[in-house]
Amino acid sequence: MAGRLVRPGPGRDQRPGGVGKTALALQWLHEHRAHYPGGQLYVDLGGFSLVEPVSPTEVLEWFLLALGVAAEAVPTALPQREALYRSITADRSVVVLLDNARPPPRCGRCCRPASTASSW
């Protein structure tokens, strides 16, 4: 059931900034946290800020640390981080919120949890 609460994919809500999309998403996450005992992962990708957007490599480092991987065990290369993240999320029901993603999404594929009980 959990995997059906949110359909995966980029650009779910493309309304302009300041209309409350993030607040609505965070409220939804809070209300549905029981569906995701494996955790809730949130990142502001900074896609609409004046600084460089967050890279997939950085996001996966943050997610791996949040999921309990020791800092010294986090791989340095993106493909290895993706593989470890998918292994860790394969048996967990997690939800991932990628906020402020600028098209085309740079983190969508690599941040998708492996478990079918997860949402992103």
N, C-alpha and C. Protein backbone atom coordinates (compact mmCIF):
# COMPACT_ATOMS: atom_id res chain seq x y z
N MET A 1 0.82 -1.20 0.00
CA MET A 1 0.00 0.00 0.00
C MET A 1 0.86 1.26 0.00
N ALA A 2 1.93 1.26 0.74
CA ALA A 2 2.74 2.47 0.89
C ALA A 2 3.27 2.97 -0.44
N GLY A 3 3.70 2.05 -1.31
CA GLY A 3 4.24 2.46 -2.59
C GLY A 3 3.22 3.15 -3.49
N ARG A 4 1.95 3.01 -3.17
CA ARG A 4 0.90 3.63 -3.97
C ARG A 4 0.46 4.98 -3.44
N LEU A 5 0.96 5.37 -2.29
CA LEU A 5 0.54 6.65 -1.73
C LEU A 5 1.10 7.83 -2.53
N VAL A 6 2.27 7.65 -3.08
CA VAL A 6 2.90 8.70 -3.88
C VAL A 6 3.43 8.03 -5.14
N ARG A 7 3.13 8.56 -6.27
CA ARG A 7 3.69 8.01 -7.49
C ARG A 7 5.08 8.58 -7.71
N PRO A 8 6.05 7.71 -8.01
CA PRO A 8 7.38 8.22 -8.25
C PRO A 8 7.44 9.03 -9.54
N GLY A 9 8.33 9.96 -9.58
CA GLY A 9 8.54 10.70 -10.80
C GLY A 9 8.84 12.15 -10.54
N PRO A 10 9.54 12.77 -11.45
CA PRO A 10 9.91 14.17 -11.29
C PRO A 10 8.75 15.11 -11.58
N GLY A 11 8.83 16.29 -11.01
CA GLY A 11 7.87 17.34 -11.35
C GLY A 11 6.46 17.08 -10.90
N ARG A 12 6.29 16.46 -9.75
CA ARG A 12 4.95 16.16 -9.28
C ARG A 12 4.12 17.43 -9.07
N ASP A 13 4.76 18.50 -8.62
CA ASP A 13 4.04 19.75 -8.39
C ASP A 13 4.92 20.89 -8.89
N GLN A 14 4.52 21.47 -9.99
CA GLN A 14 5.35 22.50 -10.62
C GLN A 14 4.80 23.91 -10.43
N ARG A 15 3.99 24.10 -9.39
CA ARG A 15 3.50 25.45 -9.12
C ARG A 15 4.66 26.35 -8.71
N PRO A 16 4.50 27.66 -8.82
CA PRO A 16 5.59 28.58 -8.49
C PRO A 16 5.96 28.54 -7.02
N GLY A 17 7.17 29.01 -6.72
CA GLY A 17 7.65 29.07 -5.35
C GLY A 17 6.77 29.96 -4.49
N GLY A 18 6.68 29.61 -3.20
CA GLY A 18 5.95 30.43 -2.26
C GLY A 18 4.49 30.08 -2.09
N VAL A 19 4.02 29.02 -2.76
CA VAL A 19 2.60 28.67 -2.65
C VAL A 19 2.34 27.58 -1.61
N GLY A 20 3.40 27.08 -0.97
CA GLY A 20 3.23 26.11 0.11
C GLY A 20 3.44 24.66 -0.27
N LYS A 21 4.13 24.39 -1.37
CA LYS A 21 4.35 23.00 -1.78
C LYS A 21 5.17 22.22 -0.76
N THR A 22 6.24 22.83 -0.29
CA THR A 22 7.10 22.14 0.68
C THR A 22 6.34 21.89 1.98
N ALA A 23 5.63 22.87 2.46
CA ALA A 23 4.86 22.69 3.70
C ALA A 23 3.84 21.58 3.56
N LEU A 24 3.17 21.53 2.42
CA LEU A 24 2.19 20.47 2.18
C LEU A 24 2.86 19.10 2.14
N ALA A 25 3.99 19.00 1.45
CA ALA A 25 4.71 17.72 1.36
C ALA A 25 5.20 17.27 2.74
N LEU A 26 5.74 18.20 3.52
CA LEU A 26 6.23 17.85 4.85
C LEU A 26 5.08 17.43 5.77
N GLN A 27 3.94 18.08 5.64
CA GLN A 27 2.77 17.68 6.43
C GLN A 27 2.34 16.27 6.04
N TRP A 28 2.33 15.99 4.74
CA TRP A 28 1.97 14.65 4.27
C TRP A 28 2.93 13.62 4.83
N LEU A 29 4.24 13.91 4.79
CA LEU A 29 5.23 12.99 5.34
C LEU A 29 4.97 12.71 6.82
N HIS A 30 4.69 13.76 7.55
CA HIS A 30 4.43 13.61 8.98
C HIS A 30 3.20 12.74 9.22
N GLU A 31 2.15 12.98 8.48
CA GLU A 31 0.90 12.24 8.66
C GLU A 31 1.02 10.77 8.25
N HIS A 32 1.95 10.45 7.35
CA HIS A 32 2.08 9.09 6.83
C HIS A 32 3.35 8.39 7.31
N ARG A 33 4.00 8.91 8.33
CA ARG A 33 5.27 8.34 8.77
C ARG A 33 5.13 6.88 9.22
N ALA A 34 3.97 6.49 9.71
CA ALA A 34 3.77 5.10 10.13
C ALA A 34 3.87 4.12 8.97
N HIS A 35 3.62 4.57 7.75
CA HIS A 35 3.73 3.73 6.56
C HIS A 35 5.17 3.47 6.17
N TYR A 36 6.10 4.22 6.74
CA TYR A 36 7.51 4.16 6.34
C TYR A 36 8.41 3.96 7.56
N PRO A 37 8.34 2.78 8.18
CA PRO A 37 9.15 2.55 9.38
C PRO A 37 10.65 2.54 9.10
N GLY A 38 11.04 2.40 7.84
CA GLY A 38 12.46 2.42 7.48
C GLY A 38 13.05 3.80 7.43
N GLY A 39 12.22 4.83 7.49
CA GLY A 39 12.71 6.20 7.56
C GLY A 39 12.10 7.13 6.53
N GLN A 40 12.30 8.40 6.78
CA GLN A 40 11.90 9.47 5.87
C GLN A 40 13.15 10.27 5.53
N LEU A 41 13.42 10.40 4.25
CA LEU A 41 14.60 11.12 3.80
C LEU A 41 14.16 12.36 3.04
N TYR A 42 14.68 13.50 3.45
CA TYR A 42 14.33 14.78 2.84
C TYR A 42 15.61 15.51 2.47
N VAL A 43 15.60 16.13 1.31
CA VAL A 43 16.72 16.99 0.93
C VAL A 43 16.20 18.14 0.08
N ASP A 44 16.71 19.32 0.37
CA ASP A 44 16.45 20.50 -0.47
C ASP A 44 17.57 20.55 -1.49
N LEU A 45 17.24 20.26 -2.73
CA LEU A 45 18.24 20.20 -3.79
C LEU A 45 18.75 21.57 -4.22
N GLY A 46 18.09 22.62 -3.78
CA GLY A 46 18.56 23.97 -4.09
C GLY A 46 18.48 24.34 -5.56
N GLY A 47 17.59 23.70 -6.28
CA GLY A 47 17.49 23.91 -7.72
C GLY A 47 17.08 25.31 -8.13
N PHE A 48 16.50 26.06 -7.23
CA PHE A 48 16.03 27.39 -7.57
C PHE A 48 16.72 28.47 -6.76
N SER A 49 17.83 28.11 -6.12
CA SER A 49 18.59 29.10 -5.36
C SER A 49 19.71 29.66 -6.24
N LEU A 50 20.41 30.62 -5.72
CA LEU A 50 21.48 31.26 -6.49
C LEU A 50 22.79 30.49 -6.42
N VAL A 51 22.87 29.50 -5.53
CA VAL A 51 24.07 28.69 -5.42
C VAL A 51 23.92 27.44 -6.28
N GLU A 52 25.03 26.75 -6.48
CA GLU A 52 25.02 25.52 -7.28
C GLU A 52 24.10 24.47 -6.63
N PRO A 53 23.22 23.84 -7.41
CA PRO A 53 22.35 22.80 -6.85
C PRO A 53 23.17 21.66 -6.25
N VAL A 54 22.57 20.95 -5.33
CA VAL A 54 23.22 19.83 -4.67
C VAL A 54 23.40 18.69 -5.68
N SER A 55 24.55 18.05 -5.64
CA SER A 55 24.85 16.96 -6.58
C SER A 55 24.28 15.63 -6.07
N PRO A 56 24.02 14.69 -6.98
CA PRO A 56 23.57 13.36 -6.56
C PRO A 56 24.57 12.69 -5.60
N THR A 57 25.85 12.92 -5.81
CA THR A 57 26.87 12.33 -4.94
C THR A 57 26.71 12.83 -3.51
N GLU A 58 26.46 14.14 -3.35
CA GLU A 58 26.25 14.70 -2.01
C GLU A 58 24.98 14.15 -1.37
N VAL A 59 23.90 14.12 -2.14
CA VAL A 59 22.62 13.65 -1.62
C VAL A 59 22.75 12.22 -1.12
N LEU A 60 23.38 11.37 -1.90
CA LEU A 60 23.52 9.98 -1.47
C LEU A 60 24.41 9.86 -0.23
N GLU A 61 25.40 10.70 -0.10
CA GLU A 61 26.21 10.69 1.12
C GLU A 61 25.33 11.00 2.32
N TRP A 62 24.53 12.06 2.22
CA TRP A 62 23.64 12.46 3.31
C TRP A 62 22.65 11.34 3.64
N PHE A 63 22.06 10.74 2.59
CA PHE A 63 21.09 9.68 2.82
C PHE A 63 21.74 8.46 3.47
N LEU A 64 22.92 8.08 3.01
CA LEU A 64 23.61 6.93 3.59
C LEU A 64 23.93 7.17 5.06
N LEU A 65 24.39 8.36 5.37
CA LEU A 65 24.67 8.69 6.77
C LEU A 65 23.39 8.64 7.60
N ALA A 66 22.30 9.18 7.04
CA ALA A 66 21.02 9.17 7.75
C ALA A 66 20.50 7.75 7.97
N LEU A 67 20.86 6.85 7.08
CA LEU A 67 20.42 5.45 7.18
C LEU A 67 21.35 4.61 8.06
N GLY A 68 22.34 5.27 8.66
CA GLY A 68 23.19 4.58 9.62
C GLY A 68 24.53 4.10 9.13
N VAL A 69 24.91 4.43 7.91
CA VAL A 69 26.22 4.04 7.41
C VAL A 69 27.28 4.94 8.05
N ALA A 70 28.33 4.34 8.55
CA ALA A 70 29.42 5.11 9.15
C ALA A 70 30.10 5.96 8.08
N ALA A 71 30.51 7.16 8.43
CA ALA A 71 31.11 8.09 7.47
C ALA A 71 32.26 7.46 6.71
N GLU A 72 33.11 6.69 7.40
CA GLU A 72 34.26 6.09 6.73
C GLU A 72 33.87 4.95 5.80
N ALA A 73 32.63 4.48 5.88
CA ALA A 73 32.16 3.40 5.02
C ALA A 73 31.42 3.90 3.79
N VAL A 74 31.20 5.21 3.69
CA VAL A 74 30.50 5.77 2.53
C VAL A 74 31.48 5.81 1.35
N PRO A 75 31.14 5.15 0.25
CA PRO A 75 32.03 5.17 -0.93
C PRO A 75 32.18 6.58 -1.49
N THR A 76 33.26 6.82 -2.19
CA THR A 76 33.49 8.15 -2.74
C THR A 76 32.84 8.35 -4.11
N ALA A 77 32.72 7.29 -4.89
CA ALA A 77 32.20 7.40 -6.26
C ALA A 77 30.68 7.20 -6.28
N LEU A 78 30.02 7.92 -7.17
CA LEU A 78 28.56 7.86 -7.28
C LEU A 78 28.03 6.45 -7.54
N PRO A 79 28.57 5.67 -8.48
CA PRO A 79 28.00 4.33 -8.72
C PRO A 79 28.03 3.43 -7.48
N GLN A 80 29.10 3.52 -6.70
CA GLN A 80 29.20 2.72 -5.49
C GLN A 80 28.23 3.22 -4.42
N ARG A 81 28.03 4.52 -4.34
CA ARG A 81 27.06 5.07 -3.39
C ARG A 81 25.65 4.61 -3.78
N GLU A 82 25.34 4.65 -5.08
CA GLU A 82 24.03 4.20 -5.54
C GLU A 82 23.81 2.74 -5.17
N ALA A 83 24.81 1.90 -5.40
CA ALA A 83 24.69 0.47 -5.12
C ALA A 83 24.46 0.23 -3.63
N LEU A 84 25.21 0.92 -2.79
CA LEU A 84 25.05 0.76 -1.35
C LEU A 84 23.67 1.24 -0.90
N TYR A 85 23.24 2.38 -1.43
CA TYR A 85 21.92 2.92 -1.08
C TYR A 85 20.82 1.95 -1.48
N ARG A 86 20.91 1.39 -2.66
CA ARG A 86 19.89 0.43 -3.12
C ARG A 86 19.90 -0.83 -2.25
N SER A 87 21.08 -1.28 -1.86
CA SER A 87 21.17 -2.46 -0.99
C SER A 87 20.52 -2.19 0.36
N ILE A 88 20.79 -1.01 0.92
CA ILE A 88 20.25 -0.67 2.23
C ILE A 88 18.74 -0.48 2.18
N THR A 89 18.24 0.11 1.11
CA THR A 89 16.80 0.38 1.03
C THR A 89 15.99 -0.79 0.47
N ALA A 90 16.66 -1.84 0.04
CA ALA A 90 15.95 -2.98 -0.56
C ALA A 90 14.95 -3.62 0.38
N ASP A 91 15.28 -3.65 1.67
CA ASP A 91 14.40 -4.30 2.64
C ASP A 91 13.75 -3.32 3.60
N ARG A 92 13.74 -2.06 3.24
CA ARG A 92 13.14 -1.04 4.11
C ARG A 92 12.02 -0.32 3.37
N SER A 93 11.05 0.08 4.14
CA SER A 93 10.00 0.92 3.59
C SER A 93 10.35 2.36 3.96
N VAL A 94 10.86 3.11 2.99
CA VAL A 94 11.26 4.50 3.21
C VAL A 94 10.53 5.41 2.25
N VAL A 95 10.47 6.68 2.61
CA VAL A 95 9.91 7.68 1.71
C VAL A 95 10.97 8.75 1.52
N VAL A 96 11.09 9.21 0.28
CA VAL A 96 12.12 10.19 -0.08
C VAL A 96 11.44 11.42 -0.67
N LEU A 97 11.79 12.59 -0.13
CA LEU A 97 11.30 13.85 -0.67
C LEU A 97 12.48 14.63 -1.20
N LEU A 98 12.50 14.82 -2.51
CA LEU A 98 13.52 15.65 -3.16
C LEU A 98 12.86 16.99 -3.44
N ASP A 99 13.18 17.98 -2.62
CA ASP A 99 12.53 19.29 -2.70
C ASP A 99 13.37 20.23 -3.58
N ASN A 100 12.69 21.12 -4.25
CA ASN A 100 13.33 22.13 -5.10
C ASN A 100 14.24 21.53 -6.16
N ALA A 101 13.74 20.50 -6.82
CA ALA A 101 14.48 19.89 -7.92
C ALA A 101 14.23 20.69 -9.18
N ARG A 102 15.27 21.06 -9.84
CA ARG A 102 15.16 21.82 -11.08
C ARG A 102 15.23 20.85 -12.26
N PRO A 103 14.34 21.00 -13.23
CA PRO A 103 14.38 20.11 -14.39
C PRO A 103 15.65 20.35 -15.21
N PRO A 104 16.24 19.33 -15.79
CA PRO A 104 15.91 17.92 -15.57
C PRO A 104 16.42 17.48 -14.22
N PRO A 105 15.70 16.58 -13.55
CA PRO A 105 16.11 16.16 -12.21
C PRO A 105 17.44 15.42 -12.25
N ARG A 106 18.38 15.86 -11.41
CA ARG A 106 19.71 15.24 -11.39
C ARG A 106 19.77 14.08 -10.41
N CYS A 107 18.86 14.04 -9.46
CA CYS A 107 18.95 13.05 -8.37
C CYS A 107 17.85 12.00 -8.40
N GLY A 108 16.89 12.14 -9.26
CA GLY A 108 15.73 11.26 -9.23
C GLY A 108 16.04 9.79 -9.30
N ARG A 109 16.76 9.37 -10.30
CA ARG A 109 17.03 7.94 -10.48
C ARG A 109 17.89 7.38 -9.36
N CYS A 110 18.96 8.07 -9.01
CA CYS A 110 19.89 7.53 -8.03
C CYS A 110 19.33 7.55 -6.63
N CYS A 111 18.33 8.36 -6.33
CA CYS A 111 17.78 8.46 -4.98
C CYS A 111 16.51 7.65 -4.80
N ARG A 112 16.13 6.93 -5.80
CA ARG A 112 14.92 6.10 -5.70
C ARG A 112 15.23 4.87 -4.84
N PRO A 113 14.46 4.66 -3.76
CA PRO A 113 14.70 3.48 -2.93
C PRO A 113 14.44 2.19 -3.70
N ALA A 114 15.11 1.12 -3.30
CA ALA A 114 15.00 -0.15 -4.01
C ALA A 114 13.74 -0.92 -3.64
N SER A 115 13.21 -0.72 -2.45
CA SER A 115 12.05 -1.46 -1.98
C SER A 115 10.78 -1.02 -2.68
N THR A 116 9.94 -1.98 -3.04
CA THR A 116 8.65 -1.64 -3.66
C THR A 116 7.68 -1.08 -2.62
N ALA A 117 8.02 -1.21 -1.34
CA ALA A 117 7.17 -0.66 -0.28
C ALA A 117 7.51 0.80 0.02
N SER A 118 8.44 1.36 -0.75
CA SER A 118 8.89 2.73 -0.54
C SER A 118 8.22 3.67 -1.53
N SER A 119 8.33 4.96 -1.23
CA SER A 119 7.82 5.99 -2.13
C SER A 119 8.87 7.07 -2.28
N TRP A 120 8.80 7.77 -3.39
CA TRP A 120 9.72 8.89 -3.60
C TRP A 120 9.04 9.91 -4.45
